[in-house]
Amino acid sequence: MEDKKDYFIIGKVLKPFGIVGEIKVLPITDSINRFEGIKYVYIKKPEGYIKIPVKSSRIAHRFVLLKLGETGNRDEAEKYRDEYLYIDRENAAKLPENSYYYYDIWKCQVVTTEGEVLGVVEDIQNAGSCDVYVVRLKGKDDTLMIPAISDVIKRIDIKLKRIEIELIEGLI
């Protein structure tokens, strides 16, 4: 059993596939190819994250077929039904400069360049041309939509969980 801090969901097990113990996985990732050559995944249990070796992986249309651990038949694969599959940060895909995992942005405190605390990122939405951070305003039952563009986002410090923004006209 492993118990590291950061894990990312990469897929959800839909059901067993075939009779040799494979599972059909719905990928929850930006690239289905992330599953090619994958060596292990984690499953979250009440006692922590459990590391499971991947014996084989193959892409089938928009799904992934995996054989995990010692599963040798359909009945053994059934125990993975509806489980989410995770990968640890260490083995996650490397991001380009100034790109962040949603997990890293989520729950960041948002402050202005003048130091005023606005609130906390509670959601991230994709607006097509850019992501939009949904910020729960401090002390209010309201949110603010902040476009993740360089005119607005001035600094992101993942270690401090802090995003510094410049309030441009029309933002608030």
C-alpha atoms as a PDB file:
ATOM      1  CA  MET A   1       0.000   0.000   0.000  1.00  0.00           C
ATOM      2  CA  GLU A   2       1.198   3.483  -0.889  1.00  0.00           C
ATOM      3  CA  ASP A   3       0.270   6.769   0.754  1.00  0.00           C
ATOM      4  CA  LYS A   4       1.699   9.659  -1.229  1.00  0.00           C
ATOM      5  CA  LYS A   5       0.159  13.099  -1.384  1.00  0.00           C
ATOM      6  CA  ASP A   6      -0.659  13.638  -5.042  1.00  0.00           C
ATOM      7  CA  TYR A   7      -2.560  11.270  -7.286  1.00  0.00           C
ATOM      8  CA  PHE A   8      -4.367  12.008 -10.530  1.00  0.00           C
ATOM      9  CA  ILE A   9      -7.382  10.179 -11.894  1.00  0.00           C
ATOM     10  CA  ILE A  10      -6.629   8.763 -15.326  1.00  0.00           C
ATOM     11  CA  GLY A  11      -9.650   6.537 -15.883  1.00  0.00           C
ATOM     12  CA  LYS A  12     -12.725   4.759 -14.606  1.00  0.00           C
ATOM     13  CA  VAL A  13     -13.238   1.010 -14.839  1.00  0.00           C
ATOM     14  CA  LEU A  14     -16.516   0.324 -16.601  1.00  0.00           C
ATOM     15  CA  LYS A  15     -16.650  -3.483 -16.483  1.00  0.00           C
ATOM     16  CA  PRO A  16     -14.723  -6.690 -17.098  1.00  0.00           C
ATOM     17  CA  PHE A  17     -13.929  -7.380 -20.746  1.00  0.00           C
ATOM     18  CA  GLY A  18     -13.690 -10.865 -22.190  1.00  0.00           C
ATOM     19  CA  ILE A  19     -12.819 -13.995 -20.236  1.00  0.00           C
ATOM     20  CA  VAL A  20      -9.092 -13.581 -19.493  1.00  0.00           C
ATOM     21  CA  GLY A  21      -9.383 -10.903 -16.789  1.00  0.00           C
ATOM     22  CA  GLU A  22      -9.165  -7.663 -18.738  1.00  0.00           C
ATOM     23  CA  ILE A  23     -11.108  -4.559 -17.723  1.00  0.00           C
ATOM     24  CA  LYS A  24     -12.658  -1.897 -19.945  1.00  0.00           C
ATOM     25  CA  VAL A  25     -11.576   1.596 -18.874  1.00  0.00           C
ATOM     26  CA  LEU A  26     -13.033   4.969 -19.800  1.00  0.00           C
ATOM     27  CA  PRO A  27      -9.992   7.267 -20.017  1.00  0.00           C
ATOM     28  CA  ILE A  28     -10.237  10.504 -18.020  1.00  0.00           C
ATOM     29  CA  THR A  29      -7.154  12.169 -19.405  1.00  0.00           C
ATOM     30  CA  ASP A  30      -6.148  14.536 -22.171  1.00  0.00           C
ATOM     31  CA  SER A  31      -4.527  11.711 -24.154  1.00  0.00           C
ATOM     32  CA  ILE A  32      -5.633   8.093 -24.367  1.00  0.00           C
ATOM     33  CA  ASN A  33      -2.039   7.285 -25.376  1.00  0.00           C
ATOM     34  CA  ARG A  34      -1.027   7.901 -21.751  1.00  0.00           C
ATOM     35  CA  PHE A  35      -2.032   4.266 -21.144  1.00  0.00           C
ATOM     36  CA  GLU A  36       0.504   2.861 -23.617  1.00  0.00           C
ATOM     37  CA  GLY A  37       3.315   1.181 -21.720  1.00  0.00           C
ATOM     38  CA  ILE A  38       1.825   2.031 -18.315  1.00  0.00           C
ATOM     39  CA  LYS A  39       3.473  -0.115 -15.626  1.00  0.00           C
ATOM     40  CA  TYR A  40       1.069   0.345 -12.724  1.00  0.00           C
ATOM     41  CA  VAL A  41      -2.003   2.196 -11.485  1.00  0.00           C
ATOM     42  CA  TYR A  42      -3.409   2.964  -8.053  1.00  0.00           C
ATOM     43  CA  ILE A  43      -6.861   2.325  -6.663  1.00  0.00           C
ATOM     44  CA  LYS A  44      -8.102   4.372  -3.731  1.00  0.00           C
ATOM     45  CA  LYS A  45      -9.366   2.386  -0.761  1.00  0.00           C
ATOM     46  CA  PRO A  46     -10.324   3.574   2.745  1.00  0.00           C
ATOM     47  CA  GLU A  47      -6.894   2.522   4.025  1.00  0.00           C
ATOM     48  CA  GLY A  48      -5.058   4.435   1.278  1.00  0.00           C
ATOM     49  CA  TYR A  49      -3.877   4.058  -2.295  1.00  0.00           C
ATOM     50  CA  ILE A  50      -3.069   0.532  -3.437  1.00  0.00           C
ATOM     51  CA  LYS A  51      -0.494   0.067  -6.189  1.00  0.00           C
ATOM     52  CA  ILE A  52      -1.477  -2.521  -8.807  1.00  0.00           C
ATOM     53  CA  PRO A  53       0.821  -3.685 -11.612  1.00  0.00           C
ATOM     54  CA  VAL A  54      -0.492  -3.450 -15.172  1.00  0.00           C
ATOM     55  CA  LYS A  55       0.204  -6.679 -17.047  1.00  0.00           C
ATOM     56  CA  SER A  56      -1.043  -5.411 -20.410  1.00  0.00           C
ATOM     57  CA  SER A  57      -2.733  -2.410 -21.972  1.00  0.00           C
ATOM     58  CA  ARG A  58      -4.282  -1.789 -25.358  1.00  0.00           C
ATOM     59  CA  ILE A  59      -6.443   0.875 -26.890  1.00  0.00           C
ATOM     60  CA  ALA A  60      -9.812  -0.176 -28.321  1.00  0.00           C
ATOM     61  CA  HIS A  61     -11.589   2.717 -30.034  1.00  0.00           C
ATOM     62  CA  ARG A  62     -12.166   5.329 -27.318  1.00  0.00           C
ATOM     63  CA  PHE A  63     -11.574   2.897 -24.450  1.00  0.00           C
ATOM     64  CA  VAL A  64      -8.568   1.194 -22.889  1.00  0.00           C
ATOM     65  CA  LEU A  65      -8.376  -2.500 -22.083  1.00  0.00           C
ATOM     66  CA  LEU A  66      -6.115  -3.313 -19.130  1.00  0.00           C
ATOM     67  CA  LYS A  67      -5.115  -6.485 -17.391  1.00  0.00           C
ATOM     68  CA  LEU A  68      -4.267  -5.717 -13.763  1.00  0.00           C
ATOM     69  CA  GLY A  69      -2.298  -7.651 -11.177  1.00  0.00           C
ATOM     70  CA  GLU A  70      -3.019 -11.333 -11.017  1.00  0.00           C
ATOM     71  CA  THR A  71      -6.481 -11.270 -12.581  1.00  0.00           C
ATOM     72  CA  GLY A  72      -6.862 -14.357 -14.721  1.00  0.00           C
ATOM     73  CA  ASN A  73     -10.555 -14.426 -15.471  1.00  0.00           C
ATOM     74  CA  ARG A  74     -13.689 -12.326 -15.740  1.00  0.00           C
ATOM     75  CA  ASP A  75     -14.774 -12.982 -12.131  1.00  0.00           C
ATOM     76  CA  GLU A  76     -11.445 -11.739 -10.735  1.00  0.00           C
ATOM     77  CA  ALA A  77     -11.636  -8.625 -12.933  1.00  0.00           C
ATOM     78  CA  GLU A  78     -15.152  -7.881 -11.643  1.00  0.00           C
ATOM     79  CA  LYS A  79     -13.749  -6.539  -8.349  1.00  0.00           C
ATOM     80  CA  TYR A  80     -12.424  -3.489 -10.240  1.00  0.00           C
ATOM     81  CA  ARG A  81     -15.832  -2.484 -11.656  1.00  0.00           C
ATOM     82  CA  ASP A  82     -16.621   1.237 -11.066  1.00  0.00           C
ATOM     83  CA  GLU A  83     -13.203   1.916  -9.509  1.00  0.00           C
ATOM     84  CA  TYR A  84     -11.247   5.014 -10.488  1.00  0.00           C
ATOM     85  CA  LEU A  85      -7.674   4.452 -11.612  1.00  0.00           C
ATOM     86  CA  TYR A  86      -4.982   6.869 -10.470  1.00  0.00           C
ATOM     87  CA  ILE A  87      -1.351   7.579 -11.236  1.00  0.00           C
ATOM     88  CA  ASP A  88       1.062   9.289  -8.858  1.00  0.00           C
ATOM     89  CA  ARG A  89       2.530  12.720  -9.599  1.00  0.00           C
ATOM     90  CA  GLU A  90       6.005  11.290 -10.080  1.00  0.00           C
ATOM     91  CA  ASN A  91       4.806   9.268 -13.080  1.00  0.00           C
ATOM     92  CA  ALA A  92       2.320  11.769 -14.479  1.00  0.00           C
ATOM     93  CA  ALA A  93       2.980  13.409 -17.826  1.00  0.00           C
ATOM     94  CA  LYS A  94       5.328  16.371 -17.653  1.00  0.00           C
ATOM     95  CA  LEU A  95       3.652  19.675 -18.462  1.00  0.00           C
ATOM     96  CA  PRO A  96       4.996  22.534 -20.558  1.00  0.00           C
ATOM     97  CA  GLU A  97       6.230  25.652 -18.787  1.00  0.00           C
ATOM     98  CA  ASN A  98       3.436  27.785 -17.270  1.00  0.00           C
ATOM     99  CA  SER A  99       0.989  24.874 -17.443  1.00  0.00           C
ATOM    100  CA  TYR A 100      -0.518  23.313 -14.345  1.00  0.00           C
ATOM    101  CA  TYR A 101      -2.583  20.335 -13.369  1.00  0.00           C
ATOM    102  CA  TYR A 102      -6.121  21.273 -12.375  1.00  0.00           C
ATOM    103  CA  TYR A 103      -5.427  19.605  -9.048  1.00  0.00           C
ATOM    104  CA  ASP A 104      -2.668  22.153  -8.390  1.00  0.00           C
ATOM    105  CA  ILE A 105      -4.881  25.157  -9.173  1.00  0.00           C
ATOM    106  CA  TRP A 106      -7.918  23.883  -7.266  1.00  0.00           C
ATOM    107  CA  LYS A 107      -8.168  25.435  -3.771  1.00  0.00           C
ATOM    108  CA  CYS A 108      -5.506  28.072  -4.493  1.00  0.00           C
ATOM    109  CA  GLN A 109      -6.020  31.406  -2.768  1.00  0.00           C
ATOM    110  CA  VAL A 110      -6.534  34.232  -5.263  1.00  0.00           C
ATOM    111  CA  VAL A 111      -5.095  37.655  -4.425  1.00  0.00           C
ATOM    112  CA  THR A 112      -4.739  40.892  -6.343  1.00  0.00           C
ATOM    113  CA  THR A 113      -1.367  42.431  -7.180  1.00  0.00           C
ATOM    114  CA  GLU A 114      -2.132  44.855  -4.316  1.00  0.00           C
ATOM    115  CA  GLY A 115      -2.430  41.946  -1.856  1.00  0.00           C
ATOM    116  CA  GLU A 116      -6.237  41.909  -1.454  1.00  0.00           C
ATOM    117  CA  VAL A 117      -7.521  38.371  -0.869  1.00  0.00           C
ATOM    118  CA  LEU A 118     -10.422  37.704  -3.243  1.00  0.00           C
ATOM    119  CA  GLY A 119     -11.201  34.074  -2.481  1.00  0.00           C
ATOM    120  CA  VAL A 120     -10.352  30.481  -3.381  1.00  0.00           C
ATOM    121  CA  VAL A 121     -10.503  28.577  -6.687  1.00  0.00           C
ATOM    122  CA  GLU A 122     -13.379  26.118  -6.371  1.00  0.00           C
ATOM    123  CA  ASP A 123     -13.690  24.991  -9.980  1.00  0.00           C
ATOM    124  CA  ILE A 124     -11.943  25.195 -13.328  1.00  0.00           C
ATOM    125  CA  GLN A 125     -13.877  25.354 -16.578  1.00  0.00           C
ATOM    126  CA  ASN A 126     -12.666  25.186 -20.136  1.00  0.00           C
ATOM    127  CA  ALA A 127     -14.006  28.109 -22.155  1.00  0.00           C
ATOM    128  CA  GLY A 128     -12.494  27.009 -25.445  1.00  0.00           C
ATOM    129  CA  SER A 129      -9.700  29.518 -25.891  1.00  0.00           C
ATOM    130  CA  CYS A 130      -8.596  29.358 -22.246  1.00  0.00           C
ATOM    131  CA  ASP A 131      -9.421  27.901 -18.866  1.00  0.00           C
ATOM    132  CA  VAL A 132     -11.537  29.930 -16.478  1.00  0.00           C
ATOM    133  CA  TYR A 133     -10.979  29.768 -12.722  1.00  0.00           C
ATOM    134  CA  VAL A 134     -14.187  29.925 -10.698  1.00  0.00           C
ATOM    135  CA  VAL A 135     -13.307  31.728  -7.470  1.00  0.00           C
ATOM    136  CA  ARG A 136     -15.536  31.586  -4.375  1.00  0.00           C
ATOM    137  CA  LEU A 137     -15.368  35.148  -3.076  1.00  0.00           C
ATOM    138  CA  LYS A 138     -14.200  35.508   0.511  1.00  0.00           C
ATOM    139  CA  GLY A 139     -17.083  36.159   2.912  1.00  0.00           C
ATOM    140  CA  LYS A 140     -19.670  36.156   0.120  1.00  0.00           C
ATOM    141  CA  ASP A 141     -22.058  33.677  -1.414  1.00  0.00           C
ATOM    142  CA  ASP A 142     -20.874  34.600  -4.894  1.00  0.00           C
ATOM    143  CA  THR A 143     -18.235  33.588  -7.419  1.00  0.00           C
ATOM    144  CA  LEU A 144     -15.924  35.375  -9.803  1.00  0.00           C
ATOM    145  CA  MET A 145     -14.873  33.972 -13.182  1.00  0.00           C
ATOM    146  CA  ILE A 146     -11.190  34.644 -13.886  1.00  0.00           C
ATOM    147  CA  PRO A 147      -9.777  33.858 -17.345  1.00  0.00           C
ATOM    148  CA  ALA A 148      -6.435  32.063 -17.197  1.00  0.00           C
ATOM    149  CA  ILE A 149      -4.664  34.501 -19.506  1.00  0.00           C
ATOM    150  CA  SER A 150      -1.403  36.387 -19.024  1.00  0.00           C
ATOM    151  CA  ASP A 151      -3.159  39.780 -18.927  1.00  0.00           C
ATOM    152  CA  VAL A 152      -4.915  38.661 -15.722  1.00  0.00           C
ATOM    153  CA  ILE A 153      -2.818  35.901 -14.125  1.00  0.00           C
ATOM    154  CA  LYS A 154       0.459  37.444 -13.011  1.00  0.00           C
ATOM    155  CA  ARG A 155       1.929  34.717 -10.803  1.00  0.00           C
ATOM    156  CA  ILE A 156       1.065  31.191  -9.729  1.00  0.00           C
ATOM    157  CA  ASP A 157       2.857  29.652  -6.749  1.00  0.00           C
ATOM    158  CA  ILE A 158       1.791  26.033  -6.428  1.00  0.00           C
ATOM    159  CA  LYS A 159       3.803  25.442  -3.237  1.00  0.00           C
ATOM    160  CA  LEU A 160       2.029  28.333  -1.475  1.00  0.00           C
ATOM    161  CA  LYS A 161      -1.313  27.531  -3.214  1.00  0.00           C
ATOM    162  CA  ARG A 162      -1.532  31.189  -4.278  1.00  0.00           C
ATOM    163  CA  ILE A 163      -2.517  32.914  -7.530  1.00  0.00           C
ATOM    164  CA  GLU A 164      -1.825  36.600  -8.007  1.00  0.00           C
ATOM    165  CA  ILE A 165      -4.055  38.425 -10.482  1.00  0.00           C
ATOM    166  CA  GLU A 166      -4.291  41.900 -11.923  1.00  0.00           C
ATOM    167  CA  LEU A 167      -7.792  43.300 -11.804  1.00  0.00           C
ATOM    168  CA  ILE A 168      -8.477  44.489 -15.307  1.00  0.00           C
ATOM    169  CA  GLU A 169     -11.483  46.599 -16.221  1.00  0.00           C
ATOM    170  CA  GLY A 170     -14.705  44.598 -16.341  1.00  0.00           C
ATOM    171  CA  LEU A 171     -13.384  41.642 -14.332  1.00  0.00           C
ATOM    172  CA  ILE A 172     -15.336  42.490 -11.175  1.00  0.00           C
END
